[in-house]
Amino acid sequence: MALARSTALVATMVLLFVVLHCEIAHAKTWTVGDGFGWTLAIDMETWPQGKKFYAGDILVFNYDYQEANVVVVNQQGHDTCTVNARAREYDSGHDRIQLAFGPNYFINSYQDGACAAGMKMAIYAKARPPLP
């Protein structure tokens, strides 16, 4: 009886690993701003247009850590360029952020006025379609 439970537990864990591995293997990595990076040199609010983002995809933010940061905020923080209480700040200059299902909001709070000048972005991540 104990052997049967152990076997069932191991089988369940293996199945869970395979499912999670497939989800991770199908996630796409996006470099924000393409070759320009996370910068005011391009319009960050339009960069996501025409791209299909899914929950689990990875955004790579490349920037000079002495001149910028990335802050994950809520919609109000995005709309008003303010860091809200639950915001999460990244400041390494090469940050990898996994998209959650639904709306995802990002701003630069390091430089005064950068967010208001357009260094902010909103992305809606859809549910990943089932594997064929």
Foldseek 3Di string as FASTA:
>chain_A
DVVVVVVVVVVVVVVVVVVVVVLLVPAAEAEQPVPVFLDLPDQSACRCPPPAAAQFHKYWGADDLVQWWKKKADPVCLVVVHHDPPIDIGRPRTDIDTHHAAKIKIATNRDPPRSVSRSIYIDHHHHDDDDD
